[in-house]
């Protein structure tokens, strides 16, 4: 089901490196077009949409599924939460 009119439907990228269900997507608030995906495969993946969707980093550390993530206002820190009551904080330099 697409909610956008047909004129706006154009696939730009297909990001395919997770090995399980993706639970959340978060754009960096600084306008850099960095995207973070959180997955049941226990990883977060950082994608550079300005560079044809190149995956620039895989963040590991959660022992269970990763549910969601959020950036700090300046996009330098990423926090994520997963099953098992875990919260991870990563510096994205």
PDB file of N, CA and C in Angstrom:
ATOM      1  N   UNK A   1       0.845  -1.176   0.000  1.00  0.00           N
ATOM      2  CA  UNK A   1       0.000   0.000   0.000  1.00  0.00           C
ATOM      3  C   UNK A   1       0.888   1.236   0.000  1.00  0.00           C
ATOM      4  N   UNK A   2       0.743   2.072  -1.002  1.00  0.00           N
ATOM      5  CA  UNK A   2       1.469   3.333  -1.074  1.00  0.00           C
ATOM      6  C   UNK A   2       0.515   4.474  -0.748  1.00  0.00           C
ATOM      7  N   UNK A   3       0.959   5.375   0.085  1.00  0.00           N
ATOM      8  CA  UNK A   3       0.138   6.528   0.439  1.00  0.00           C
ATOM      9  C   UNK A   3       0.493   7.748  -0.400  1.00  0.00           C
ATOM     10  N   UNK A   4       1.563   7.661  -1.183  1.00  0.00           N
ATOM     11  CA  UNK A   4       1.986   8.777  -2.016  1.00  0.00           C
ATOM     12  C   UNK A   4       1.357   8.661  -3.395  1.00  0.00           C
ATOM     13  N   UNK A   5       1.094   9.777  -4.058  1.00  0.00           N
ATOM     14  CA  UNK A   5       0.567   9.715  -5.425  1.00  0.00           C
ATOM     15  C   UNK A   5       1.581   9.044  -6.350  1.00  0.00           C
ATOM     16  N   UNK A   6       1.133   8.398  -7.432  1.00  0.00           N
ATOM     17  CA  UNK A   6       2.039   7.676  -8.331  1.00  0.00           C
ATOM     18  C   UNK A   6       3.202   8.515  -8.849  1.00  0.00           C
ATOM     19  N   UNK A   7       3.018   9.787  -9.019  1.00  0.00           N
ATOM     20  CA  UNK A   7       4.080  10.634  -9.559  1.00  0.00           C
ATOM     21  C   UNK A   7       5.270  10.728  -8.599  1.00  0.00           C
ATOM     22  N   UNK A   8       5.037  10.523  -7.284  1.00  0.00           N
ATOM     23  CA  UNK A   8       6.101  10.623  -6.287  1.00  0.00           C
ATOM     24  C   UNK A   8       6.772   9.286  -5.999  1.00  0.00           C
ATOM     25  N   UNK A   9       6.302   8.197  -6.566  1.00  0.00           N
ATOM     26  CA  UNK A   9       6.850   6.873  -6.278  1.00  0.00           C
ATOM     27  C   UNK A   9       8.051   6.580  -7.169  1.00  0.00           C
ATOM     28  N   UNK A  10       9.207   6.612  -6.579  1.00  0.00           N
ATOM     29  CA  UNK A  10      10.423   6.251  -7.300  1.00  0.00           C
ATOM     30  C   UNK A  10      11.407   5.683  -6.289  1.00  0.00           C
ATOM     31  N   UNK A  11      11.775   4.427  -6.470  1.00  0.00           N
ATOM     32  CA  UNK A  11      12.736   3.804  -5.577  1.00  0.00           C
ATOM     33  C   UNK A  11      14.105   4.421  -5.814  1.00  0.00           C
ATOM     34  N   UNK A  12      14.704   4.968  -4.767  1.00  0.00           N
ATOM     35  CA  UNK A  12      16.015   5.590  -4.882  1.00  0.00           C
ATOM     36  C   UNK A  12      17.131   4.629  -4.509  1.00  0.00           C
ATOM     37  N   UNK A  13      16.930   3.872  -3.433  1.00  0.00           N
ATOM     38  CA  UNK A  13      17.938   2.938  -2.944  1.00  0.00           C
ATOM     39  C   UNK A  13      17.254   1.739  -2.320  1.00  0.00           C
ATOM     40  N   UNK A  14      17.944   0.623  -2.314  1.00  0.00           N
ATOM     41  CA  UNK A  14      17.472  -0.583  -1.647  1.00  0.00           C
ATOM     42  C   UNK A  14      18.608  -1.043  -0.738  1.00  0.00           C
ATOM     43  N   UNK A  15      18.469  -0.844   0.561  1.00  0.00           N
ATOM     44  CA  UNK A  15      19.520  -1.143   1.526  1.00  0.00           C
ATOM     45  C   UNK A  15      19.270  -2.538   2.090  1.00  0.00           C
ATOM     46  N   UNK A  16      20.181  -3.464   1.828  1.00  0.00           N
ATOM     47  CA  UNK A  16      19.864  -4.882   2.026  1.00  0.00           C
ATOM     48  C   UNK A  16      20.832  -5.673   2.921  1.00  0.00           C
ATOM     49  N   UNK A  17      21.566  -5.117   3.830  1.00  0.00           N
ATOM     50  CA  UNK A  17      22.587  -5.873   4.556  1.00  0.00           C
ATOM     51  C   UNK A  17      22.153  -6.503   5.872  1.00  0.00           C
ATOM     52  N   UNK A  18      21.010  -6.155   6.410  1.00  0.00           N
ATOM     53  CA  UNK A  18      20.561  -6.798   7.651  1.00  0.00           C
ATOM     54  C   UNK A  18      20.189  -8.255   7.385  1.00  0.00           C
ATOM     55  N   UNK A  19      20.346  -9.085   8.415  1.00  0.00           N
ATOM     56  CA  UNK A  19      20.018 -10.505   8.279  1.00  0.00           C
ATOM     57  C   UNK A  19      18.705 -10.872   8.970  1.00  0.00           C
ATOM     58  N   UNK A  20      18.021  -9.883   9.528  1.00  0.00           N
ATOM     59  CA  UNK A  20      16.725 -10.117  10.166  1.00  0.00           C
ATOM     60  C   UNK A  20      15.883  -8.845  10.009  1.00  0.00           C
ATOM     61  N   UNK A  21      14.713  -8.853  10.584  1.00  0.00           N
ATOM     62  CA  UNK A  21      13.739  -7.770  10.440  1.00  0.00           C
ATOM     63  C   UNK A  21      14.317  -6.443  10.928  1.00  0.00           C
ATOM     64  N   UNK A  22      14.095  -5.382  10.167  1.00  0.00           N
ATOM     65  CA  UNK A  22      14.467  -4.024  10.569  1.00  0.00           C
ATOM     66  C   UNK A  22      13.310  -3.440  11.360  1.00  0.00           C
ATOM     67  N   UNK A  23      13.607  -2.946  12.550  1.00  0.00           N
ATOM     68  CA  UNK A  23      12.576  -2.448  13.459  1.00  0.00           C
ATOM     69  C   UNK A  23      12.409  -0.936  13.427  1.00  0.00           C
ATOM     70  N   UNK A  24      13.487  -0.207  13.052  1.00  0.00           N
ATOM     71  CA  UNK A  24      13.434   1.247  13.182  1.00  0.00           C
ATOM     72  C   UNK A  24      14.415   1.883  12.211  1.00  0.00           C
ATOM     73  N   UNK A  25      14.074   3.079  11.746  1.00  0.00           N
ATOM     74  CA  UNK A  25      14.949   3.906  10.910  1.00  0.00           C
ATOM     75  C   UNK A  25      15.002   5.299  11.511  1.00  0.00           C
ATOM     76  N   UNK A  26      16.202   5.884  11.567  1.00  0.00           N
ATOM     77  CA  UNK A  26      16.377   7.206  12.141  1.00  0.00           C
ATOM     78  C   UNK A  26      17.338   8.021  11.287  1.00  0.00           C
ATOM     79  N   UNK A  27      16.906   9.201  10.847  1.00  0.00           N
ATOM     80  CA  UNK A  27      17.781  10.115  10.121  1.00  0.00           C
ATOM     81  C   UNK A  27      18.529  11.010  11.100  1.00  0.00           C
ATOM     82  N   UNK A  28      19.790  11.300  10.795  1.00  0.00           N
ATOM     83  CA  UNK A  28      20.554  12.262  11.591  1.00  0.00           C
ATOM     84  C   UNK A  28      19.907  13.639  11.447  1.00  0.00           C
ATOM     85  N   UNK A  29      19.726  14.367  12.546  1.00  0.00           N
ATOM     86  CA  UNK A  29      19.043  15.664  12.478  1.00  0.00           C
ATOM     87  C   UNK A  29      19.887  16.784  11.872  1.00  0.00           C
ATOM     88  N   UNK A  30      21.163  16.534  11.586  1.00  0.00           N
ATOM     89  CA  UNK A  30      22.022  17.600  11.073  1.00  0.00           C
ATOM     90  C   UNK A  30      21.930  17.790   9.565  1.00  0.00           C
ATOM     91  N   UNK A  31      21.055  17.054   8.904  1.00  0.00           N
ATOM     92  CA  UNK A  31      20.880  17.198   7.464  1.00  0.00           C
ATOM     93  C   UNK A  31      21.927  16.491   6.631  1.00  0.00           C
ATOM     94  N   UNK A  32      22.736  15.643   7.237  1.00  0.00           N
ATOM     95  CA  UNK A  32      23.830  14.972   6.534  1.00  0.00           C
ATOM     96  C   UNK A  32      23.364  13.797   5.670  1.00  0.00           C
ATOM     97  N   UNK A  33      22.102  13.440   5.754  1.00  0.00           N
ATOM     98  CA  UNK A  33      21.538  12.271   5.061  1.00  0.00           C
ATOM     99  C   UNK A  33      22.156  10.962   5.533  1.00  0.00           C
ATOM    100  N   UNK A  34      22.566  10.937   6.803  1.00  0.00           N
ATOM    101  CA  UNK A  34      22.972   9.684   7.430  1.00  0.00           C
ATOM    102  C   UNK A  34      21.717   9.032   7.990  1.00  0.00           C
ATOM    103  N   UNK A  35      21.588   7.737   7.758  1.00  0.00           N
ATOM    104  CA  UNK A  35      20.428   6.975   8.203  1.00  0.00           C
ATOM    105  C   UNK A  35      20.920   5.817   9.048  1.00  0.00           C
ATOM    106  N   UNK A  36      20.248   5.553  10.161  1.00  0.00           N
ATOM    107  CA  UNK A  36      20.576   4.409  11.005  1.00  0.00           C
ATOM    108  C   UNK A  36      19.388   3.468  11.015  1.00  0.00           C
ATOM    109  N   UNK A  37      19.670   2.185  10.782  1.00  0.00           N
ATOM    110  CA  UNK A  37      18.633   1.158  10.846  1.00  0.00           C
ATOM    111  C   UNK A  37      18.918   0.248  12.033  1.00  0.00           C
ATOM    112  N   UNK A  38      17.882  -0.099  12.765  1.00  0.00           N
ATOM    113  CA  UNK A  38      17.971  -0.972  13.931  1.00  0.00           C
ATOM    114  C   UNK A  38      17.249  -2.269  13.607  1.00  0.00           C
ATOM    115  N   UNK A  39      17.847  -3.404  13.991  1.00  0.00           N
ATOM    116  CA  UNK A  39      17.318  -4.683  13.525  1.00  0.00           C
ATOM    117  C   UNK A  39      17.264  -5.746  14.614  1.00  0.00           C
ATOM    118  N   UNK A  40      16.479  -6.762  14.330  1.00  0.00           N
ATOM    119  CA  UNK A  40      16.445  -7.948  15.180  1.00  0.00           C
ATOM    120  C   UNK A  40      17.732  -8.765  15.063  1.00  0.00           C
ATOM    121  N   UNK A  41      18.597  -8.423  14.098  1.00  0.00           N
ATOM    122  CA  UNK A  41      19.874  -9.139  13.985  1.00  0.00           C
ATOM    123  C   UNK A  41      20.910  -8.629  14.995  1.00  0.00           C
ATOM    124  N   UNK A  42      20.461  -7.795  15.944  1.00  0.00           N
ATOM    125  CA  UNK A  42      21.261  -7.274  17.059  1.00  0.00           C
ATOM    126  C   UNK A  42      22.257  -6.203  16.638  1.00  0.00           C
ATOM    127  N   UNK A  43      22.060  -5.610  15.464  1.00  0.00           N
ATOM    128  CA  UNK A  43      22.977  -4.574  14.999  1.00  0.00           C
ATOM    129  C   UNK A  43      22.236  -3.300  14.630  1.00  0.00           C
ATOM    130  N   UNK A  44      22.989  -2.220  14.609  1.00  0.00           N
ATOM    131  CA  UNK A  44      22.566  -0.959  14.002  1.00  0.00           C
ATOM    132  C   UNK A  44      23.508  -0.749  12.830  1.00  0.00           C
ATOM    133  N   UNK A  45      22.979  -0.274  11.731  1.00  0.00           N
ATOM    134  CA  UNK A  45      23.812  -0.007  10.554  1.00  0.00           C
ATOM    135  C   UNK A  45      23.650   1.449  10.176  1.00  0.00           C
ATOM    136  N   UNK A  46      24.781   2.081   9.890  1.00  0.00           N
ATOM    137  CA  UNK A  46      24.809   3.496   9.530  1.00  0.00           C
ATOM    138  C   UNK A  46      25.027   3.576   8.029  1.00  0.00           C
ATOM    139  N   UNK A  47      24.118   4.263   7.354  1.00  0.00           N
ATOM    140  CA  UNK A  47      24.140   4.375   5.896  1.00  0.00           C
ATOM    141  C   UNK A  47      24.343   5.830   5.497  1.00  0.00           C
ATOM    142  N   UNK A  48      25.133   6.055   4.458  1.00  0.00           N
ATOM    143  CA  UNK A  48      25.339   7.397   3.914  1.00  0.00           C
ATOM    144  C   UNK A  48      24.532   7.511   2.624  1.00  0.00           C
ATOM    145  N   UNK A  49      23.390   8.152   2.691  1.00  0.00           N
ATOM    146  CA  UNK A  49      22.509   8.242   1.528  1.00  0.00           C
ATOM    147  C   UNK A  49      23.048   9.194   0.467  1.00  0.00           C
ATOM    148  N   UNK A  50      23.996  10.063   0.840  1.00  0.00           N
ATOM    149  CA  UNK A  50      24.647  10.923  -0.162  1.00  0.00           C
ATOM    150  C   UNK A  50      25.655  10.128  -0.995  1.00  0.00           C
ATOM    151  N   UNK A  51      26.089   8.984  -0.483  1.00  0.00           N
ATOM    152  CA  UNK A  51      27.079   8.139  -1.155  1.00  0.00           C
ATOM    153  C   UNK A  51      26.409   6.856  -1.646  1.00  0.00           C
ATOM    154  N   UNK A  52      25.314   6.990  -2.380  1.00  0.00           N
ATOM    155  CA  UNK A  52      24.575   5.856  -2.958  1.00  0.00           C
ATOM    156  C   UNK A  52      24.162   4.818  -1.925  1.00  0.00           C
ATOM    157  N   UNK A  53      23.910   5.241  -0.684  1.00  0.00           N
ATOM    158  CA  UNK A  53      23.462   4.323   0.349  1.00  0.00           C
ATOM    159  C   UNK A  53      24.560   3.438   0.899  1.00  0.00           C
ATOM    160  N   UNK A  54      25.804   3.843   0.743  1.00  0.00           N
ATOM    161  CA  UNK A  54      26.928   3.069   1.244  1.00  0.00           C
ATOM    162  C   UNK A  54      26.805   2.877   2.759  1.00  0.00           C
ATOM    163  N   UNK A  55      26.971   1.634   3.219  1.00  0.00           N
ATOM    164  CA  UNK A  55      26.950   1.366   4.651  1.00  0.00           C
ATOM    165  C   UNK A  55      28.322   1.724   5.212  1.00  0.00           C
ATOM    166  N   UNK A  56      28.362   2.681   6.113  1.00  0.00           N
ATOM    167  CA  UNK A  56      29.641   3.172   6.610  1.00  0.00           C
ATOM    168  C   UNK A  56      30.053   2.558   7.944  1.00  0.00           C
ATOM    169  N   UNK A  57      29.108   1.965   8.660  1.00  0.00           N
ATOM    170  CA  UNK A  57      29.444   1.425   9.968  1.00  0.00           C
ATOM    171  C   UNK A  57      28.395   0.404  10.400  1.00  0.00           C
ATOM    172  N   UNK A  58      28.848  -0.654  11.069  1.00  0.00           N
ATOM    173  CA  UNK A  58      27.963  -1.609  11.730  1.00  0.00           C
ATOM    174  C   UNK A  58      28.248  -1.498  13.219  1.00  0.00           C
ATOM    175  N   UNK A  59      27.218  -1.235  13.997  1.00  0.00           N
ATOM    176  CA  UNK A  59      27.355  -1.110  15.446  1.00  0.00           C
ATOM    177  C   UNK A  59      26.803  -2.364  16.105  1.00  0.00           C
ATOM    178  N   UNK A  60      27.688  -3.042  16.824  1.00  0.00           N
ATOM    179  CA  UNK A  60      27.316  -4.264  17.539  1.00  0.00           C
ATOM    180  C   UNK A  60      27.463  -4.023  19.039  1.00  0.00           C
ATOM    181  N   UNK A  61      26.807  -4.810  19.834  1.00  0.00           N
ATOM    182  CA  UNK A  61      26.916  -4.663  21.280  1.00  0.00           C
ATOM    183  C   UNK A  61      25.660  -5.105  21.995  1.00  0.00           C
ATOM    184  N   UNK A  62      24.528  -4.996  21.332  1.00  0.00           N
ATOM    185  CA  UNK A  62      23.290  -5.479  21.937  1.00  0.00           C
ATOM    186  C   UNK A  62      23.296  -7.006  21.956  1.00  0.00           C
ATOM    187  N   UNK A  63      22.827  -7.571  23.051  1.00  0.00           N
ATOM    188  CA  UNK A  63      22.751  -9.024  23.185  1.00  0.00           C
ATOM    189  C   UNK A  63      21.446  -9.586  22.635  1.00  0.00           C
ATOM    190  N   UNK A  64      20.485  -8.698  22.405  1.00  0.00           N
ATOM    191  CA  UNK A  64      19.168  -9.087  21.896  1.00  0.00           C
ATOM    192  C   UNK A  64      18.767  -8.118  20.788  1.00  0.00           C
ATOM    193  N   UNK A  65      17.541  -8.252  20.324  1.00  0.00           N
ATOM    194  CA  UNK A  65      17.032  -7.386  19.255  1.00  0.00           C
ATOM    195  C   UNK A  65      17.228  -5.920  19.597  1.00  0.00           C
ATOM    196  N   UNK A  66      17.476  -5.120  18.575  1.00  0.00           N
ATOM    197  CA  UNK A  66      17.532  -3.666  18.741  1.00  0.00           C
ATOM    198  C   UNK A  66      16.188  -3.109  18.297  1.00  0.00           C
ATOM    199  N   UNK A  67      15.540  -2.358  19.175  1.00  0.00           N
ATOM    200  CA  UNK A  67      14.201  -1.842  18.880  1.00  0.00           C
ATOM    201  C   UNK A  67      14.213  -0.486  18.189  1.00  0.00           C
ATOM    202  N   UNK A  68      15.010   0.452  18.688  1.00  0.00           N
ATOM    203  CA  UNK A  68      14.988   1.787  18.096  1.00  0.00           C
ATOM    204  C   UNK A  68      16.253   2.537  18.489  1.00  0.00           C
ATOM    205  N   UNK A  69      16.445   3.670  17.838  1.00  0.00           N
ATOM    206  CA  UNK A  69      17.613   4.497  18.128  1.00  0.00           C
ATOM    207  C   UNK A  69      17.240   5.972  17.985  1.00  0.00           C
ATOM    208  N   UNK A  70      18.097   6.830  18.530  1.00  0.00           N
ATOM    209  CA  UNK A  70      17.879   8.274  18.442  1.00  0.00           C
ATOM    210  C   UNK A  70      19.227   8.977  18.460  1.00  0.00           C
ATOM    211  N   UNK A  71      19.327  10.055  17.679  1.00  0.00           N
ATOM    212  CA  UNK A  71      20.528  10.872  17.625  1.00  0.00           C
ATOM    213  C   UNK A  71      20.461  11.992  18.646  1.00  0.00           C
ATOM    214  N   UNK A  72      21.627  12.461  19.061  1.00  0.00           N
ATOM    215  CA  UNK A  72      21.709  13.716  19.803  1.00  0.00           C
ATOM    216  C   UNK A  72      21.434  14.846  18.808  1.00  0.00           C
ATOM    217  N   UNK A  73      21.092  16.044  19.280  1.00  0.00           N
ATOM    218  CA  UNK A  73      20.760  17.144  18.361  1.00  0.00           C
ATOM    219  C   UNK A  73      21.862  17.479  17.351  1.00  0.00           C
ATOM    220  N   UNK A  74      23.133  17.289  17.724  1.00  0.00           N
ATOM    221  CA  UNK A  74      24.220  17.601  16.785  1.00  0.00           C
ATOM    222  C   UNK A  74      24.673  16.383  15.979  1.00  0.00           C
ATOM    223  N   UNK A  75      23.966  15.271  16.106  1.00  0.00           N
ATOM    224  CA  UNK A  75      24.218  14.023  15.360  1.00  0.00           C
ATOM    225  C   UNK A  75      25.535  13.344  15.707  1.00  0.00           C
ATOM    226  N   UNK A  76      26.172  13.707  16.808  1.00  0.00           N
ATOM    227  CA  UNK A  76      27.460  13.108  17.161  1.00  0.00           C
ATOM    228  C   UNK A  76      27.327  11.867  18.034  1.00  0.00           C
ATOM    229  N   UNK A  77      26.175  11.707  18.681  1.00  0.00           N
ATOM    230  CA  UNK A  77      25.951  10.573  19.580  1.00  0.00           C
ATOM    231  C   UNK A  77      24.672   9.868  19.173  1.00  0.00           C
ATOM    232  N   UNK A  78      24.728   8.540  19.180  1.00  0.00           N
ATOM    233  CA  UNK A  78      23.563   7.720  18.866  1.00  0.00           C
ATOM    234  C   UNK A  78      23.262   6.835  20.067  1.00  0.00           C
ATOM    235  N   UNK A  79      22.025   6.843  20.516  1.00  0.00           N
ATOM    236  CA  UNK A  79      21.575   5.962  21.591  1.00  0.00           C
ATOM    237  C   UNK A  79      20.629   4.940  20.993  1.00  0.00           C
ATOM    238  N   UNK A  80      20.680   3.722  21.530  1.00  0.00           N
ATOM    239  CA  UNK A  80      19.772   2.686  21.038  1.00  0.00           C
ATOM    240  C   UNK A  80      19.268   1.871  22.214  1.00  0.00           C
ATOM    241  N   UNK A  81      18.099   1.300  22.027  1.00  0.00           N
ATOM    242  CA  UNK A  81      17.486   0.484  23.063  1.00  0.00           C
ATOM    243  C   UNK A  81      17.099  -0.857  22.450  1.00  0.00           C
ATOM    244  N   UNK A  82      17.290  -1.909  23.250  1.00  0.00           N
ATOM    245  CA  UNK A  82      16.976  -3.238  22.760  1.00  0.00           C
ATOM    246  C   UNK A  82      16.264  -4.064  23.801  1.00  0.00           C
ATOM    247  N   UNK A  83      15.935  -5.281  23.407  1.00  0.00           N
ATOM    248  CA  UNK A  83      15.315  -6.223  24.333  1.00  0.00           C
ATOM    249  C   UNK A  83      16.295  -6.507  25.464  1.00  0.00           C
ATOM    250  N   UNK A  84      15.782  -6.922  26.589  1.00  0.00           N
ATOM    251  CA  UNK A  84      16.645  -7.216  27.723  1.00  0.00           C
ATOM    252  C   UNK A  84      17.032  -5.974  28.502  1.00  0.00           C
ATOM    253  N   UNK A  85      16.279  -4.892  28.341  1.00  0.00           N
ATOM    254  CA  UNK A  85      16.451  -3.669  29.125  1.00  0.00           C
ATOM    255  C   UNK A  85      17.790  -2.981  28.881  1.00  0.00           C
ATOM    256  N   UNK A  86      18.383  -3.169  27.715  1.00  0.00           N
ATOM    257  CA  UNK A  86      19.691  -2.564  27.456  1.00  0.00           C
ATOM    258  C   UNK A  86      19.574  -1.264  26.679  1.00  0.00           C
ATOM    259  N   UNK A  87      20.407  -0.308  27.069  1.00  0.00           N
ATOM    260  CA  UNK A  87      20.540   0.950  26.335  1.00  0.00           C
ATOM    261  C   UNK A  87      22.013   1.102  25.993  1.00  0.00           C
ATOM    262  N   UNK A  88      22.310   1.387  24.739  1.00  0.00           N
ATOM    263  CA  UNK A  88      23.692   1.553  24.284  1.00  0.00           C
ATOM    264  C   UNK A  88      23.860   3.001  23.824  1.00  0.00           C
ATOM    265  N   UNK A  89      25.039   3.559  24.058  1.00  0.00           N
ATOM    266  CA  UNK A  89      25.364   4.905  23.620  1.00  0.00           C
ATOM    267  C   UNK A  89      26.655   4.815  22.823  1.00  0.00           C
ATOM    268  N   UNK A  90      26.651   5.378  21.606  1.00  0.00           N
ATOM    269  CA  UNK A  90      27.827   5.322  20.734  1.00  0.00           C
ATOM    270  C   UNK A  90      28.142   6.713  20.217  1.00  0.00           C
ATOM    271  N   UNK A  91      29.436   7.020  20.166  1.00  0.00           N
ATOM    272  CA  UNK A  91      29.895   8.269  19.561  1.00  0.00           C
ATOM    273  C   UNK A  91      30.127   8.002  18.078  1.00  0.00           C
ATOM    274  N   UNK A  92      29.512   8.792  17.227  1.00  0.00           N
ATOM    275  CA  UNK A  92      29.674   8.654  15.778  1.00  0.00           C
ATOM    276  C   UNK A  92      30.616   9.738  15.290  1.00  0.00           C
ATOM    277  N   UNK A  93      31.852   9.404  15.117  1.00  0.00           N
ATOM    278  CA  UNK A  93      32.847  10.398  14.685  1.00  0.00           C
ATOM    279  C   UNK A  93      33.204  10.168  13.238  1.00  0.00           C
TER     280      UNK A  93
END
